[in-house]
Amino acid sequence: MQYLMLMWADADASGGDESDFKAWVTFDEQVKQAGAFVSNGALQPAASHARLVQTSIAGHQLPAAVEQKPFAPGERQIQAFYMMECPDLDAALEWANKLPT
């Protein structure tokens, strides 16, 4: 089963230092060696005015398919994600507890 892990940070969070980078490289290698890696990535900051595009919800067309808005308002924003293939919730929680933060 696939599990999506979301990394949250302050809306104006910037990149970390060298030790943060090394921790992520090590984590990424471990996930891939274990065969749990599906995908990962970072999102644009809310301040970038990223566009939300939805063309339908439950089969209904939306009147405005493109909204020019930043991500959800607030101090905390989703900064990145990690999708993993895990046999069960316990395994997913074990990986989640290893995420470098």
PDB file of N, CA and C in Angstrom:
ATOM      1  N   MET A   1       0.841  -1.169   0.000  1.00  0.00           N
ATOM      2  CA  MET A   1       0.000   0.000   0.000  1.00  0.00           C
ATOM      3  C   MET A   1       0.894   1.242   0.000  1.00  0.00           C
ATOM      4  N   GLN A   2       0.462   2.278  -0.682  1.00  0.00           N
ATOM      5  CA  GLN A   2       1.256   3.501  -0.736  1.00  0.00           C
ATOM      6  C   GLN A   2       0.814   4.477   0.350  1.00  0.00           C
ATOM      7  N   TYR A   3       1.799   5.135   0.945  1.00  0.00           N
ATOM      8  CA  TYR A   3       1.561   6.125   1.994  1.00  0.00           C
ATOM      9  C   TYR A   3       2.227   7.433   1.600  1.00  0.00           C
ATOM     10  N   LEU A   4       1.487   8.516   1.775  1.00  0.00           N
ATOM     11  CA  LEU A   4       1.989   9.849   1.457  1.00  0.00           C
ATOM     12  C   LEU A   4       2.371  10.543   2.749  1.00  0.00           C
ATOM     13  N   MET A   5       3.616  10.980   2.831  1.00  0.00           N
ATOM     14  CA  MET A   5       4.115  11.690   4.002  1.00  0.00           C
ATOM     15  C   MET A   5       4.354  13.131   3.607  1.00  0.00           C
ATOM     16  N   LEU A   6       3.753  14.039   4.346  1.00  0.00           N
ATOM     17  CA  LEU A   6       3.857  15.462   4.041  1.00  0.00           C
ATOM     18  C   LEU A   6       4.769  16.145   5.044  1.00  0.00           C
ATOM     19  N   MET A   7       5.661  16.995   4.555  1.00  0.00           N
ATOM     20  CA  MET A   7       6.553  17.762   5.404  1.00  0.00           C
ATOM     21  C   MET A   7       6.044  19.199   5.474  1.00  0.00           C
ATOM     22  N   TRP A   8       5.790  19.654   6.663  1.00  0.00           N
ATOM     23  CA  TRP A   8       5.279  21.000   6.912  1.00  0.00           C
ATOM     24  C   TRP A   8       6.399  21.876   7.456  1.00  0.00           C
ATOM     25  N   ALA A   9       6.332  23.163   7.160  1.00  0.00           N
ATOM     26  CA  ALA A   9       7.309  24.124   7.681  1.00  0.00           C
ATOM     27  C   ALA A   9       6.681  25.504   7.663  1.00  0.00           C
ATOM     28  N   ASP A  10       7.402  26.462   8.222  1.00  0.00           N
ATOM     29  CA  ASP A  10       6.927  27.839   8.174  1.00  0.00           C
ATOM     30  C   ASP A  10       6.804  28.271   6.727  1.00  0.00           C
ATOM     31  N   ALA A  11       5.847  29.140   6.440  1.00  0.00           N
ATOM     32  CA  ALA A  11       5.573  29.580   5.072  1.00  0.00           C
ATOM     33  C   ALA A  11       6.812  30.167   4.400  1.00  0.00           C
ATOM     34  N   ASP A  12       7.711  30.760   5.182  1.00  0.00           N
ATOM     35  CA  ASP A  12       8.900  31.378   4.588  1.00  0.00           C
ATOM     36  C   ASP A  12      10.153  30.533   4.826  1.00  0.00           C
ATOM     37  N   ALA A  13       9.976  29.234   5.051  1.00  0.00           N
ATOM     38  CA  ALA A  13      11.122  28.351   5.320  1.00  0.00           C
ATOM     39  C   ALA A  13      12.078  28.347   4.135  1.00  0.00           C
ATOM     40  N   SER A  14      13.350  28.313   4.446  1.00  0.00           N
ATOM     41  CA  SER A  14      14.362  28.230   3.392  1.00  0.00           C
ATOM     42  C   SER A  14      15.145  26.941   3.590  1.00  0.00           C
ATOM     43  N   GLY A  15      16.041  26.674   2.655  1.00  0.00           N
ATOM     44  CA  GLY A  15      16.821  25.443   2.703  1.00  0.00           C
ATOM     45  C   GLY A  15      17.638  25.324   3.973  1.00  0.00           C
ATOM     46  N   GLY A  16      17.999  24.095   4.300  1.00  0.00           N
ATOM     47  CA  GLY A  16      18.782  23.830   5.500  1.00  0.00           C
ATOM     48  C   GLY A  16      20.270  23.926   5.239  1.00  0.00           C
ATOM     49  N   ASP A  17      21.033  23.426   6.197  1.00  0.00           N
ATOM     50  CA  ASP A  17      22.484  23.466   6.071  1.00  0.00           C
ATOM     51  C   ASP A  17      23.010  22.126   5.560  1.00  0.00           C
ATOM     52  N   GLU A  18      24.319  21.979   5.545  1.00  0.00           N
ATOM     53  CA  GLU A  18      24.956  20.778   4.997  1.00  0.00           C
ATOM     54  C   GLU A  18      24.537  19.508   5.751  1.00  0.00           C
ATOM     55  N   SER A  19      24.387  19.585   7.068  1.00  0.00           N
ATOM     56  CA  SER A  19      23.994  18.394   7.829  1.00  0.00           C
ATOM     57  C   SER A  19      22.561  17.967   7.487  1.00  0.00           C
ATOM     58  N   ASP A  20      21.684  18.940   7.216  1.00  0.00           N
ATOM     59  CA  ASP A  20      20.321  18.617   6.792  1.00  0.00           C
ATOM     60  C   ASP A  20      20.343  17.886   5.453  1.00  0.00           C
ATOM     61  N   PHE A  21      21.141  18.378   4.530  1.00  0.00           N
ATOM     62  CA  PHE A  21      21.249  17.764   3.206  1.00  0.00           C
ATOM     63  C   PHE A  21      21.758  16.328   3.324  1.00  0.00           C
ATOM     64  N   LYS A  22      22.786  16.123   4.151  1.00  0.00           N
ATOM     65  CA  LYS A  22      23.345  14.780   4.330  1.00  0.00           C
ATOM     66  C   LYS A  22      22.313  13.835   4.940  1.00  0.00           C
ATOM     67  N   ALA A  23      21.525  14.322   5.885  1.00  0.00           N
ATOM     68  CA  ALA A  23      20.493  13.487   6.513  1.00  0.00           C
ATOM     69  C   ALA A  23      19.467  13.037   5.475  1.00  0.00           C
ATOM     70  N   TRP A  24      19.093  13.941   4.568  1.00  0.00           N
ATOM     71  CA  TRP A  24      18.122  13.579   3.529  1.00  0.00           C
ATOM     72  C   TRP A  24      18.713  12.606   2.520  1.00  0.00           C
ATOM     73  N   VAL A  25      19.975  12.770   2.170  1.00  0.00           N
ATOM     74  CA  VAL A  25      20.631  11.847   1.242  1.00  0.00           C
ATOM     75  C   VAL A  25      20.662  10.448   1.849  1.00  0.00           C
ATOM     76  N   THR A  26      21.023  10.355   3.123  1.00  0.00           N
ATOM     77  CA  THR A  26      21.067   9.066   3.818  1.00  0.00           C
ATOM     78  C   THR A  26      19.687   8.439   3.879  1.00  0.00           C
ATOM     79  N   PHE A  27      18.680   9.229   4.246  1.00  0.00           N
ATOM     80  CA  PHE A  27      17.310   8.721   4.316  1.00  0.00           C
ATOM     81  C   PHE A  27      16.848   8.221   2.954  1.00  0.00           C
ATOM     82  N   ASP A  28      17.099   9.008   1.917  1.00  0.00           N
ATOM     83  CA  ASP A  28      16.700   8.640   0.560  1.00  0.00           C
ATOM     84  C   ASP A  28      17.342   7.318   0.140  1.00  0.00           C
ATOM     85  N   GLU A  29      18.616   7.141   0.436  1.00  0.00           N
ATOM     86  CA  GLU A  29      19.314   5.900   0.103  1.00  0.00           C
ATOM     87  C   GLU A  29      18.692   4.714   0.839  1.00  0.00           C
ATOM     88  N   GLN A  30      18.357   4.895   2.121  1.00  0.00           N
ATOM     89  CA  GLN A  30      17.763   3.817   2.908  1.00  0.00           C
ATOM     90  C   GLN A  30      16.399   3.409   2.345  1.00  0.00           C
ATOM     91  N   VAL A  31      15.587   4.393   1.992  1.00  0.00           N
ATOM     92  CA  VAL A  31      14.256   4.105   1.446  1.00  0.00           C
ATOM     93  C   VAL A  31      14.375   3.345   0.130  1.00  0.00           C
ATOM     94  N   LYS A  32      15.284   3.780  -0.725  1.00  0.00           N
ATOM     95  CA  LYS A  32      15.465   3.118  -2.024  1.00  0.00           C
ATOM     96  C   LYS A  32      16.024   1.712  -1.861  1.00  0.00           C
ATOM     97  N   GLN A  33      16.994   1.529  -0.956  1.00  0.00           N
ATOM     98  CA  GLN A  33      17.558   0.198  -0.727  1.00  0.00           C
ATOM     99  C   GLN A  33      16.506  -0.765  -0.181  1.00  0.00           C
ATOM    100  N   ALA A  34      15.570  -0.250   0.596  1.00  0.00           N
ATOM    101  CA  ALA A  34      14.514  -1.083   1.175  1.00  0.00           C
ATOM    102  C   ALA A  34      13.394  -1.380   0.181  1.00  0.00           C
ATOM    103  N   GLY A  35      13.433  -0.723  -0.982  1.00  0.00           N
ATOM    104  CA  GLY A  35      12.395  -0.924  -1.986  1.00  0.00           C
ATOM    105  C   GLY A  35      11.095  -0.212  -1.663  1.00  0.00           C
ATOM    106  N   ALA A  36      11.147   0.772  -0.779  1.00  0.00           N
ATOM    107  CA  ALA A  36       9.939   1.491  -0.365  1.00  0.00           C
ATOM    108  C   ALA A  36       9.725   2.789  -1.141  1.00  0.00           C
ATOM    109  N   PHE A  37      10.708   3.222  -1.917  1.00  0.00           N
ATOM    110  CA  PHE A  37      10.604   4.506  -2.621  1.00  0.00           C
ATOM    111  C   PHE A  37       9.597   4.439  -3.766  1.00  0.00           C
ATOM    112  N   VAL A  38       8.702   5.430  -3.813  1.00  0.00           N
ATOM    113  CA  VAL A  38       7.796   5.605  -4.949  1.00  0.00           C
ATOM    114  C   VAL A  38       8.117   6.930  -5.620  1.00  0.00           C
ATOM    115  N   SER A  39       8.041   8.040  -4.881  1.00  0.00           N
ATOM    116  CA  SER A  39       8.416   9.355  -5.410  1.00  0.00           C
ATOM    117  C   SER A  39       8.540  10.338  -4.260  1.00  0.00           C
ATOM    118  N   ASN A  40       9.138  11.480  -4.560  1.00  0.00           N
ATOM    119  CA  ASN A  40       9.231  12.565  -3.582  1.00  0.00           C
ATOM    120  C   ASN A  40       9.377  13.875  -4.338  1.00  0.00           C
ATOM    121  N   GLY A  41       9.251  14.965  -3.633  1.00  0.00           N
ATOM    122  CA  GLY A  41       9.409  16.256  -4.280  1.00  0.00           C
ATOM    123  C   GLY A  41       9.131  17.400  -3.335  1.00  0.00           C
ATOM    124  N   ALA A  42       9.444  18.578  -3.791  1.00  0.00           N
ATOM    125  CA  ALA A  42       9.216  19.802  -3.023  1.00  0.00           C
ATOM    126  C   ALA A  42       8.180  20.650  -3.745  1.00  0.00           C
ATOM    127  N   LEU A  43       7.424  21.412  -2.989  1.00  0.00           N
ATOM    128  CA  LEU A  43       6.422  22.308  -3.554  1.00  0.00           C
ATOM    129  C   LEU A  43       6.963  23.730  -3.588  1.00  0.00           C
ATOM    130  N   GLN A  44       6.411  24.532  -4.468  1.00  0.00           N
ATOM    131  CA  GLN A  44       6.776  25.936  -4.516  1.00  0.00           C
ATOM    132  C   GLN A  44       6.264  26.630  -3.255  1.00  0.00           C
ATOM    133  N   PRO A  45       6.979  27.623  -2.748  1.00  0.00           N
ATOM    134  CA  PRO A  45       6.500  28.350  -1.571  1.00  0.00           C
ATOM    135  C   PRO A  45       5.176  29.058  -1.859  1.00  0.00           C
ATOM    136  N   ALA A  46       4.385  29.257  -0.825  1.00  0.00           N
ATOM    137  CA  ALA A  46       3.096  29.926  -0.984  1.00  0.00           C
ATOM    138  C   ALA A  46       3.256  31.299  -1.616  1.00  0.00           C
ATOM    139  N   ALA A  47       4.340  31.960  -1.317  1.00  0.00           N
ATOM    140  CA  ALA A  47       4.560  33.305  -1.840  1.00  0.00           C
ATOM    141  C   ALA A  47       4.765  33.328  -3.350  1.00  0.00           C
ATOM    142  N   SER A  48       4.963  32.182  -3.971  1.00  0.00           N
ATOM    143  CA  SER A  48       5.201  32.145  -5.417  1.00  0.00           C
ATOM    144  C   SER A  48       3.909  32.322  -6.219  1.00  0.00           C
ATOM    145  N   HIS A  49       2.771  32.393  -5.530  1.00  0.00           N
ATOM    146  CA  HIS A  49       1.472  32.538  -6.187  1.00  0.00           C
ATOM    147  C   HIS A  49       1.214  31.389  -7.155  1.00  0.00           C
ATOM    148  N   ALA A  50       1.546  30.177  -6.697  1.00  0.00           N
ATOM    149  CA  ALA A  50       1.317  28.994  -7.520  1.00  0.00           C
ATOM    150  C   ALA A  50      -0.162  28.876  -7.851  1.00  0.00           C
ATOM    151  N   ARG A  51      -0.452  28.302  -8.985  1.00  0.00           N
ATOM    152  CA  ARG A  51      -1.838  28.187  -9.431  1.00  0.00           C
ATOM    153  C   ARG A  51      -2.415  26.827  -9.069  1.00  0.00           C
ATOM    154  N   LEU A  52      -3.639  26.835  -8.636  1.00  0.00           N
ATOM    155  CA  LEU A  52      -4.384  25.615  -8.372  1.00  0.00           C
ATOM    156  C   LEU A  52      -5.285  25.379  -9.569  1.00  0.00           C
ATOM    157  N   VAL A  53      -5.153  24.230 -10.203  1.00  0.00           N
ATOM    158  CA  VAL A  53      -5.964  23.929 -11.385  1.00  0.00           C
ATOM    159  C   VAL A  53      -6.821  22.703 -11.089  1.00  0.00           C
ATOM    160  N   GLN A  54      -8.130  22.871 -11.165  1.00  0.00           N
ATOM    161  CA  GLN A  54      -9.063  21.764 -11.019  1.00  0.00           C
ATOM    162  C   GLN A  54     -10.094  21.899 -12.121  1.00  0.00           C
ATOM    163  N   THR A  55     -10.333  20.821 -12.824  1.00  0.00           N
ATOM    164  CA  THR A  55     -11.312  20.907 -13.910  1.00  0.00           C
ATOM    165  C   THR A  55     -12.629  20.250 -13.545  1.00  0.00           C
ATOM    166  N   SER A  56     -12.621  19.376 -12.547  1.00  0.00           N
ATOM    167  CA  SER A  56     -13.882  18.762 -12.138  1.00  0.00           C
ATOM    168  C   SER A  56     -13.783  18.238 -10.716  1.00  0.00           C
ATOM    169  N   ILE A  57     -14.895  18.247 -10.053  1.00  0.00           N
ATOM    170  CA  ILE A  57     -15.016  17.648  -8.729  1.00  0.00           C
ATOM    171  C   ILE A  57     -16.250  16.765  -8.777  1.00  0.00           C
ATOM    172  N   ALA A  58     -16.084  15.493  -8.494  1.00  0.00           N
ATOM    173  CA  ALA A  58     -17.186  14.530  -8.535  1.00  0.00           C
ATOM    174  C   ALA A  58     -17.943  14.609  -9.864  1.00  0.00           C
ATOM    175  N   GLY A  59     -17.201  14.816 -10.959  1.00  0.00           N
ATOM    176  CA  GLY A  59     -17.819  14.823 -12.272  1.00  0.00           C
ATOM    177  C   GLY A  59     -18.479  16.122 -12.679  1.00  0.00           C
ATOM    178  N   HIS A  60     -18.392  17.172 -11.866  1.00  0.00           N
ATOM    179  CA  HIS A  60     -19.016  18.454 -12.177  1.00  0.00           C
ATOM    180  C   HIS A  60     -17.951  19.453 -12.601  1.00  0.00           C
ATOM    181  N   GLN A  61     -18.201  20.128 -13.698  1.00  0.00           N
ATOM    182  CA  GLN A  61     -17.278  21.155 -14.161  1.00  0.00           C
ATOM    183  C   GLN A  61     -17.325  22.353 -13.212  1.00  0.00           C
ATOM    184  N   LEU A  62     -16.184  22.946 -12.986  1.00  0.00           N
ATOM    185  CA  LEU A  62     -16.113  24.148 -12.165  1.00  0.00           C
ATOM    186  C   LEU A  62     -16.212  25.376 -13.060  1.00  0.00           C
ATOM    187  N   PRO A  63     -16.852  26.447 -12.603  1.00  0.00           N
ATOM    188  CA  PRO A  63     -16.954  27.639 -13.439  1.00  0.00           C
ATOM    189  C   PRO A  63     -15.594  28.280 -13.717  1.00  0.00           C
ATOM    190  N   ALA A  64     -14.695  28.257 -12.749  1.00  0.00           N
ATOM    191  CA  ALA A  64     -13.361  28.820 -12.952  1.00  0.00           C
ATOM    192  C   ALA A  64     -12.347  27.695 -12.769  1.00  0.00           C
ATOM    193  N   ALA A  65     -11.798  27.202 -13.869  1.00  0.00           N
ATOM    194  CA  ALA A  65     -10.899  26.057 -13.801  1.00  0.00           C
ATOM    195  C   ALA A  65      -9.533  26.433 -13.249  1.00  0.00           C
ATOM    196  N   VAL A  66      -9.150  27.683 -13.340  1.00  0.00           N
ATOM    197  CA  VAL A  66      -7.841  28.104 -12.849  1.00  0.00           C
ATOM    198  C   VAL A  66      -8.024  29.241 -11.868  1.00  0.00           C
ATOM    199  N   GLU A  67      -7.496  29.043 -10.672  1.00  0.00           N
ATOM    200  CA  GLU A  67      -7.525  30.092  -9.661  1.00  0.00           C
ATOM    201  C   GLU A  67      -6.099  30.538  -9.421  1.00  0.00           C
ATOM    202  N   GLN A  68      -5.855  31.817  -9.426  1.00  0.00           N
ATOM    203  CA  GLN A  68      -4.518  32.321  -9.152  1.00  0.00           C
ATOM    204  C   GLN A  68      -4.449  32.682  -7.673  1.00  0.00           C
ATOM    205  N   LYS A  69      -4.098  31.683  -6.883  1.00  0.00           N
ATOM    206  CA  LYS A  69      -3.999  31.870  -5.444  1.00  0.00           C
ATOM    207  C   LYS A  69      -2.776  31.126  -4.940  1.00  0.00           C
ATOM    208  N   PRO A  70      -2.207  31.584  -3.850  1.00  0.00           N
ATOM    209  CA  PRO A  70      -1.165  30.770  -3.217  1.00  0.00           C
ATOM    210  C   PRO A  70      -1.812  29.562  -2.554  1.00  0.00           C
ATOM    211  N   PHE A  71      -0.986  28.691  -2.027  1.00  0.00           N
ATOM    212  CA  PHE A  71      -1.500  27.541  -1.303  1.00  0.00           C
ATOM    213  C   PHE A  71      -2.289  28.010  -0.094  1.00  0.00           C
ATOM    214  N   ALA A  72      -2.778  27.093   0.691  1.00  0.00           N
ATOM    215  CA  ALA A  72      -3.615  27.427   1.850  1.00  0.00           C
ATOM    216  C   ALA A  72      -2.958  28.489   2.724  1.00  0.00           C
ATOM    217  N   PRO A  73      -3.752  29.443   3.183  1.00  0.00           N
ATOM    218  CA  PRO A  73      -3.194  30.498   4.015  1.00  0.00           C
ATOM    219  C   PRO A  73      -2.773  29.969   5.381  1.00  0.00           C
ATOM    220  N   GLY A  74      -1.892  30.683   6.044  1.00  0.00           N
ATOM    221  CA  GLY A  74      -1.481  30.297   7.381  1.00  0.00           C
ATOM    222  C   GLY A  74       0.020  30.316   7.533  1.00  0.00           C
ATOM    223  N   GLU A  75       0.442  30.135   8.775  1.00  0.00           N
ATOM    224  CA  GLU A  75       1.870  30.154   9.082  1.00  0.00           C
ATOM    225  C   GLU A  75       2.581  28.894   8.590  1.00  0.00           C
ATOM    226  N   ARG A  76       1.914  27.758   8.647  1.00  0.00           N
ATOM    227  CA  ARG A  76       2.522  26.495   8.269  1.00  0.00           C
ATOM    228  C   ARG A  76       2.058  26.088   6.872  1.00  0.00           C
ATOM    229  N   GLN A  77       2.971  25.594   6.070  1.00  0.00           N
ATOM    230  CA  GLN A  77       2.675  25.192   4.697  1.00  0.00           C
ATOM    231  C   GLN A  77       3.289  23.818   4.431  1.00  0.00           C
ATOM    232  N   ILE A  78       2.666  23.071   3.526  1.00  0.00           N
ATOM    233  CA  ILE A  78       3.284  21.829   3.066  1.00  0.00           C
ATOM    234  C   ILE A  78       4.451  22.225   2.172  1.00  0.00           C
ATOM    235  N   GLN A  79       5.635  21.749   2.513  1.00  0.00           N
ATOM    236  CA  GLN A  79       6.846  22.112   1.776  1.00  0.00           C
ATOM    237  C   GLN A  79       7.295  21.010   0.821  1.00  0.00           C
ATOM    238  N   ALA A  80       7.043  19.752   1.216  1.00  0.00           N
ATOM    239  CA  ALA A  80       7.536  18.638   0.409  1.00  0.00           C
ATOM    240  C   ALA A  80       6.717  17.387   0.729  1.00  0.00           C
ATOM    241  N   PHE A  81       6.930  16.355  -0.086  1.00  0.00           N
ATOM    242  CA  PHE A  81       6.221  15.100   0.151  1.00  0.00           C
ATOM    243  C   PHE A  81       7.144  13.927  -0.124  1.00  0.00           C
ATOM    244  N   TYR A  82       6.781  12.796   0.449  1.00  0.00           N
ATOM    245  CA  TYR A  82       7.482  11.538   0.201  1.00  0.00           C
ATOM    246  C   TYR A  82       6.425  10.459   0.084  1.00  0.00           C
ATOM    247  N   MET A  83       6.372   9.774  -1.042  1.00  0.00           N
ATOM    248  CA  MET A  83       5.435   8.680  -1.266  1.00  0.00           C
ATOM    249  C   MET A  83       6.223   7.380  -1.128  1.00  0.00           C
ATOM    250  N   MET A  84       5.709   6.486  -0.265  1.00  0.00           N
ATOM    251  CA  MET A  84       6.391   5.217  -0.020  1.00  0.00           C
ATOM    252  C   MET A  84       5.442   4.040  -0.169  1.00  0.00           C
ATOM    253  N   GLU A  85       6.006   2.939  -0.577  1.00  0.00           N
ATOM    254  CA  GLU A  85       5.293   1.665  -0.648  1.00  0.00           C
ATOM    255  C   GLU A  85       5.647   0.889   0.619  1.00  0.00           C
ATOM    256  N   CYS A  86       4.635   0.642   1.441  1.00  0.00           N
ATOM    257  CA  CYS A  86       4.849  -0.053   2.707  1.00  0.00           C
ATOM    258  C   CYS A  86       3.815  -1.167   2.855  1.00  0.00           C
ATOM    259  N   PRO A  87       4.196  -2.257   3.508  1.00  0.00           N
ATOM    260  CA  PRO A  87       3.262  -3.369   3.642  1.00  0.00           C
ATOM    261  C   PRO A  87       2.060  -3.067   4.536  1.00  0.00           C
ATOM    262  N   ASP A  88       2.238  -2.136   5.487  1.00  0.00           N
ATOM    263  CA  ASP A  88       1.139  -1.817   6.401  1.00  0.00           C
ATOM    264  C   ASP A  88       1.407  -0.486   7.096  1.00  0.00           C
ATOM    265  N   LEU A  89       0.448  -0.058   7.886  1.00  0.00           N
ATOM    266  CA  LEU A  89       0.555   1.226   8.583  1.00  0.00           C
ATOM    267  C   LEU A  89       1.731   1.251   9.546  1.00  0.00           C
ATOM    268  N   ASP A  90       1.992   0.159  10.217  1.00  0.00           N
ATOM    269  CA  ASP A  90       3.118   0.124  11.156  1.00  0.00           C
ATOM    270  C   ASP A  90       4.441   0.401  10.455  1.00  0.00           C
ATOM    271  N   ALA A  91       4.633  -0.184   9.285  1.00  0.00           N
ATOM    272  CA  ALA A  91       5.860   0.060   8.517  1.00  0.00           C
ATOM    273  C   ALA A  91       5.926   1.512   8.057  1.00  0.00           C
ATOM    274  N   ALA A  92       4.798   2.059   7.629  1.00  0.00           N
ATOM    275  CA  ALA A  92       4.764   3.465   7.207  1.00  0.00           C
ATOM    276  C   ALA A  92       5.109   4.384   8.374  1.00  0.00           C
ATOM    277  N   LEU A  93       4.576   4.101   9.543  1.00  0.00           N
ATOM    278  CA  LEU A  93       4.874   4.919  10.724  1.00  0.00           C
ATOM    279  C   LEU A  93       6.350   4.806  11.108  1.00  0.00           C
ATOM    280  N   GLU A  94       6.918   3.639  10.925  1.00  0.00           N
ATOM    281  CA  GLU A  94       8.334   3.463  11.218  1.00  0.00           C
ATOM    282  C   GLU A  94       9.182   4.354  10.310  1.00  0.00           C
ATOM    283  N   TRP A  95       8.836   4.374   9.004  1.00  0.00           N
ATOM    284  CA  TRP A  95       9.560   5.266   8.071  1.00  0.00           C
ATOM    285  C   TRP A  95       9.297   6.733   8.429  1.00  0.00           C
ATOM    286  N   ALA A  96       8.065   7.058   8.746  1.00  0.00           N
ATOM    287  CA  ALA A  96       7.733   8.451   9.068  1.00  0.00           C
ATOM    288  C   ALA A  96       8.547   8.949  10.247  1.00  0.00           C
ATOM    289  N   ASN A  97       8.798   8.082  11.208  1.00  0.00           N
ATOM    290  CA  ASN A  97       9.589   8.471  12.384  1.00  0.00           C
ATOM    291  C   ASN A  97      11.062   8.645  12.058  1.00  0.00           C
ATOM    292  N   LYS A  98      11.498   8.180  10.902  1.00  0.00           N
ATOM    293  CA  LYS A  98      12.885   8.326  10.468  1.00  0.00           C
ATOM    294  C   LYS A  98      13.088   9.545   9.568  1.00  0.00           C
ATOM    295  N   LEU A  99      11.998  10.197   9.144  1.00  0.00           N
ATOM    296  CA  LEU A  99      12.127  11.358   8.260  1.00  0.00           C
ATOM    297  C   LEU A  99      13.007  12.425   8.915  1.00  0.00           C
ATOM    298  N   PRO A 100      14.024  12.917   8.220  1.00  0.00           N
ATOM    299  CA  PRO A 100      14.829  14.004   8.770  1.00  0.00           C
ATOM    300  C   PRO A 100      13.980  15.273   8.908  1.00  0.00           C
ATOM    301  N   THR A 101      14.032  15.893  10.044  1.00  0.00           N
ATOM    302  CA  THR A 101      13.264  17.120  10.252  1.00  0.00           C
ATOM    303  C   THR A 101      14.125  18.195  10.852  1.00  0.00           C
TER     304      THR A 101
END
